[in-house]
């Protein structure tokens, strides 16, 4: 049996560590409208931006039509 851990909403440092995508690259995709708020990223009450680990995979595989 394979174990699978879902990360869900994570900070950009996790993306860089496990996916090799820098914070700057994520910010650029977010600011140019390539990522959708509430699906691919969200802003927490503390002002930090979180990205959805698994939903980003859907974006990579299918583009915005996965949203």
N, C-alpha and C. Protein backbone atom coordinates (compact mmCIF):
# COMPACT_ATOMS: atom_id res chain seq x y z
N UNK A 1 0.83 -1.18 0.00
CA UNK A 1 0.00 0.00 0.00
C UNK A 1 0.88 1.25 0.00
N UNK A 2 0.57 2.18 -0.90
CA UNK A 2 1.32 3.42 -0.96
C UNK A 2 0.69 4.46 -0.05
N UNK A 3 1.51 5.11 0.72
CA UNK A 3 1.03 6.20 1.57
C UNK A 3 1.11 7.50 0.79
N UNK A 4 0.10 8.32 0.92
CA UNK A 4 0.08 9.61 0.23
C UNK A 4 -0.32 10.68 1.23
N UNK A 5 0.52 11.67 1.36
CA UNK A 5 0.24 12.77 2.27
C UNK A 5 -0.19 13.97 1.44
N UNK A 6 -1.35 14.52 1.77
CA UNK A 6 -1.79 15.74 1.10
C UNK A 6 -1.27 16.93 1.88
N UNK A 7 -0.66 17.85 1.18
CA UNK A 7 -0.12 19.04 1.82
C UNK A 7 -1.18 20.14 1.95
N UNK A 8 -2.05 20.28 0.97
CA UNK A 8 -3.05 21.34 1.02
C UNK A 8 -2.41 22.71 0.86
N UNK A 9 -2.82 23.66 1.71
CA UNK A 9 -2.32 25.04 1.63
C UNK A 9 -0.96 25.14 2.31
N UNK A 10 0.04 25.60 1.54
CA UNK A 10 1.40 25.69 2.05
C UNK A 10 2.03 27.02 1.67
N UNK A 11 3.06 27.37 2.38
CA UNK A 11 3.83 28.58 2.07
C UNK A 11 4.75 28.33 0.89
N UNK A 12 5.20 29.39 0.22
CA UNK A 12 6.06 29.22 -0.95
C UNK A 12 7.35 28.44 -0.68
N UNK A 13 7.84 28.46 0.55
CA UNK A 13 9.07 27.71 0.85
C UNK A 13 8.89 26.21 0.63
N UNK A 14 7.69 25.70 0.89
CA UNK A 14 7.41 24.27 0.66
C UNK A 14 7.41 23.98 -0.84
N UNK A 15 6.82 24.88 -1.63
CA UNK A 15 6.83 24.71 -3.08
C UNK A 15 8.26 24.65 -3.59
N UNK A 16 9.08 25.57 -3.13
CA UNK A 16 10.46 25.59 -3.61
C UNK A 16 11.20 24.33 -3.20
N UNK A 17 10.97 23.88 -1.99
CA UNK A 17 11.67 22.70 -1.49
C UNK A 17 11.26 21.43 -2.23
N UNK A 18 9.97 21.24 -2.47
CA UNK A 18 9.48 19.97 -3.02
C UNK A 18 9.17 20.00 -4.51
N UNK A 19 8.89 21.19 -5.06
CA UNK A 19 8.55 21.27 -6.48
C UNK A 19 9.59 22.04 -7.29
N UNK A 20 10.48 22.75 -6.61
CA UNK A 20 11.51 23.51 -7.31
C UNK A 20 11.00 24.82 -7.90
N UNK A 21 9.85 25.30 -7.44
CA UNK A 21 9.26 26.54 -7.94
C UNK A 21 9.52 27.64 -6.92
N UNK A 22 10.18 28.69 -7.36
CA UNK A 22 10.56 29.76 -6.43
C UNK A 22 9.36 30.64 -6.06
N UNK A 23 9.53 31.36 -4.97
CA UNK A 23 8.50 32.31 -4.53
C UNK A 23 8.27 33.36 -5.61
N UNK A 24 9.34 33.83 -6.24
CA UNK A 24 9.21 34.84 -7.30
C UNK A 24 8.39 34.31 -8.47
N UNK A 25 8.61 33.05 -8.84
CA UNK A 25 7.85 32.45 -9.94
C UNK A 25 6.37 32.33 -9.57
N UNK A 26 6.09 31.92 -8.35
CA UNK A 26 4.69 31.83 -7.89
C UNK A 26 4.04 33.21 -7.86
N UNK A 27 4.77 34.20 -7.34
CA UNK A 27 4.23 35.56 -7.28
C UNK A 27 3.91 36.08 -8.68
N UNK A 28 4.79 35.82 -9.63
CA UNK A 28 4.57 36.28 -11.01
C UNK A 28 3.32 35.64 -11.60
N UNK A 29 3.16 34.33 -11.40
CA UNK A 29 1.96 33.64 -11.91
C UNK A 29 0.70 34.19 -11.25
N UNK A 30 0.78 34.47 -9.97
CA UNK A 30 -0.38 35.01 -9.24
C UNK A 30 -0.72 36.41 -9.72
N UNK A 31 0.28 37.27 -9.85
CA UNK A 31 0.05 38.67 -10.22
C UNK A 31 -0.38 38.84 -11.68
N UNK A 32 -0.05 37.88 -12.54
CA UNK A 32 -0.45 37.97 -13.95
C UNK A 32 -1.74 37.21 -14.23
N UNK A 33 -2.39 36.71 -13.18
CA UNK A 33 -3.69 36.06 -13.35
C UNK A 33 -3.64 34.62 -13.80
N UNK A 34 -2.48 34.00 -13.75
CA UNK A 34 -2.37 32.60 -14.17
C UNK A 34 -2.85 31.64 -13.08
N UNK A 35 -2.89 32.13 -11.85
CA UNK A 35 -3.40 31.34 -10.73
C UNK A 35 -4.65 32.02 -10.18
N UNK A 36 -5.63 31.24 -9.79
CA UNK A 36 -6.91 31.76 -9.35
C UNK A 36 -6.98 31.77 -7.82
N UNK A 37 -7.37 32.93 -7.28
CA UNK A 37 -7.51 33.05 -5.83
C UNK A 37 -8.63 32.13 -5.34
N UNK A 38 -8.36 31.42 -4.25
CA UNK A 38 -9.33 30.49 -3.68
C UNK A 38 -9.16 29.08 -4.20
N UNK A 39 -8.48 28.93 -5.33
CA UNK A 39 -8.22 27.60 -5.89
C UNK A 39 -6.73 27.30 -5.84
N UNK A 40 -5.92 28.20 -6.38
CA UNK A 40 -4.48 27.98 -6.42
C UNK A 40 -3.74 28.72 -5.31
N UNK A 41 -4.29 29.83 -4.85
CA UNK A 41 -3.65 30.58 -3.77
C UNK A 41 -4.72 31.29 -2.94
N UNK A 42 -4.32 31.66 -1.74
CA UNK A 42 -5.19 32.49 -0.90
C UNK A 42 -4.34 33.31 0.05
N UNK A 43 -4.91 34.43 0.46
CA UNK A 43 -4.23 35.31 1.39
C UNK A 43 -4.84 35.10 2.77
N UNK A 44 -4.00 34.76 3.73
CA UNK A 44 -4.46 34.50 5.10
C UNK A 44 -4.66 35.82 5.83
N UNK A 45 -5.31 35.75 6.98
CA UNK A 45 -5.56 36.94 7.80
C UNK A 45 -4.27 37.65 8.21
N UNK A 46 -3.19 36.90 8.29
CA UNK A 46 -1.91 37.51 8.68
C UNK A 46 -1.18 38.14 7.49
N UNK A 47 -1.81 38.11 6.30
CA UNK A 47 -1.23 38.73 5.11
C UNK A 47 -0.33 37.83 4.29
N UNK A 48 -0.07 36.64 4.77
CA UNK A 48 0.80 35.71 4.03
C UNK A 48 0.01 35.04 2.92
N UNK A 49 0.70 34.76 1.81
CA UNK A 49 0.08 34.08 0.68
C UNK A 49 0.40 32.59 0.79
N UNK A 50 -0.65 31.77 0.71
CA UNK A 50 -0.52 30.32 0.72
C UNK A 50 -0.92 29.79 -0.64
N UNK A 51 -0.26 28.72 -1.07
CA UNK A 51 -0.56 28.09 -2.35
C UNK A 51 -1.04 26.67 -2.09
N UNK A 52 -1.99 26.21 -2.91
CA UNK A 52 -2.52 24.86 -2.73
C UNK A 52 -1.65 23.88 -3.50
N UNK A 53 -0.99 23.02 -2.77
CA UNK A 53 0.00 22.09 -3.33
C UNK A 53 -0.59 21.21 -4.42
N UNK A 54 -1.70 20.55 -4.14
CA UNK A 54 -2.29 19.62 -5.11
C UNK A 54 -3.01 20.34 -6.24
N UNK A 55 -3.68 21.44 -5.96
CA UNK A 55 -4.36 22.18 -7.02
C UNK A 55 -3.38 22.75 -8.03
N UNK A 56 -2.17 23.05 -7.59
CA UNK A 56 -1.15 23.53 -8.53
C UNK A 56 -0.81 22.43 -9.54
N UNK A 57 -0.80 21.19 -9.10
CA UNK A 57 -0.54 20.08 -10.02
C UNK A 57 -1.60 20.03 -11.12
N UNK A 58 -2.85 20.26 -10.75
CA UNK A 58 -3.94 20.30 -11.74
C UNK A 58 -3.71 21.43 -12.74
N UNK A 59 -3.27 22.58 -12.25
CA UNK A 59 -2.97 23.72 -13.13
C UNK A 59 -1.86 23.34 -14.11
N UNK A 60 -0.82 22.69 -13.63
CA UNK A 60 0.30 22.30 -14.49
C UNK A 60 -0.17 21.31 -15.55
N UNK A 61 -0.99 20.35 -15.16
CA UNK A 61 -1.44 19.32 -16.09
C UNK A 61 -2.50 19.80 -17.08
N UNK A 62 -3.38 20.71 -16.64
CA UNK A 62 -4.53 21.08 -17.47
C UNK A 62 -4.69 22.57 -17.71
N UNK A 63 -3.87 23.40 -17.12
CA UNK A 63 -4.03 24.84 -17.25
C UNK A 63 -5.21 25.33 -16.43
N UNK A 64 -5.72 26.49 -16.75
CA UNK A 64 -6.80 27.08 -15.96
C UNK A 64 -8.13 26.38 -16.16
N UNK A 65 -8.27 25.55 -17.17
CA UNK A 65 -9.55 24.86 -17.37
C UNK A 65 -9.85 23.89 -16.23
N UNK A 66 -8.83 23.51 -15.44
CA UNK A 66 -9.03 22.62 -14.30
C UNK A 66 -9.76 23.33 -13.16
N UNK A 67 -9.73 24.64 -13.20
CA UNK A 67 -10.38 25.43 -12.15
C UNK A 67 -11.86 25.37 -12.38
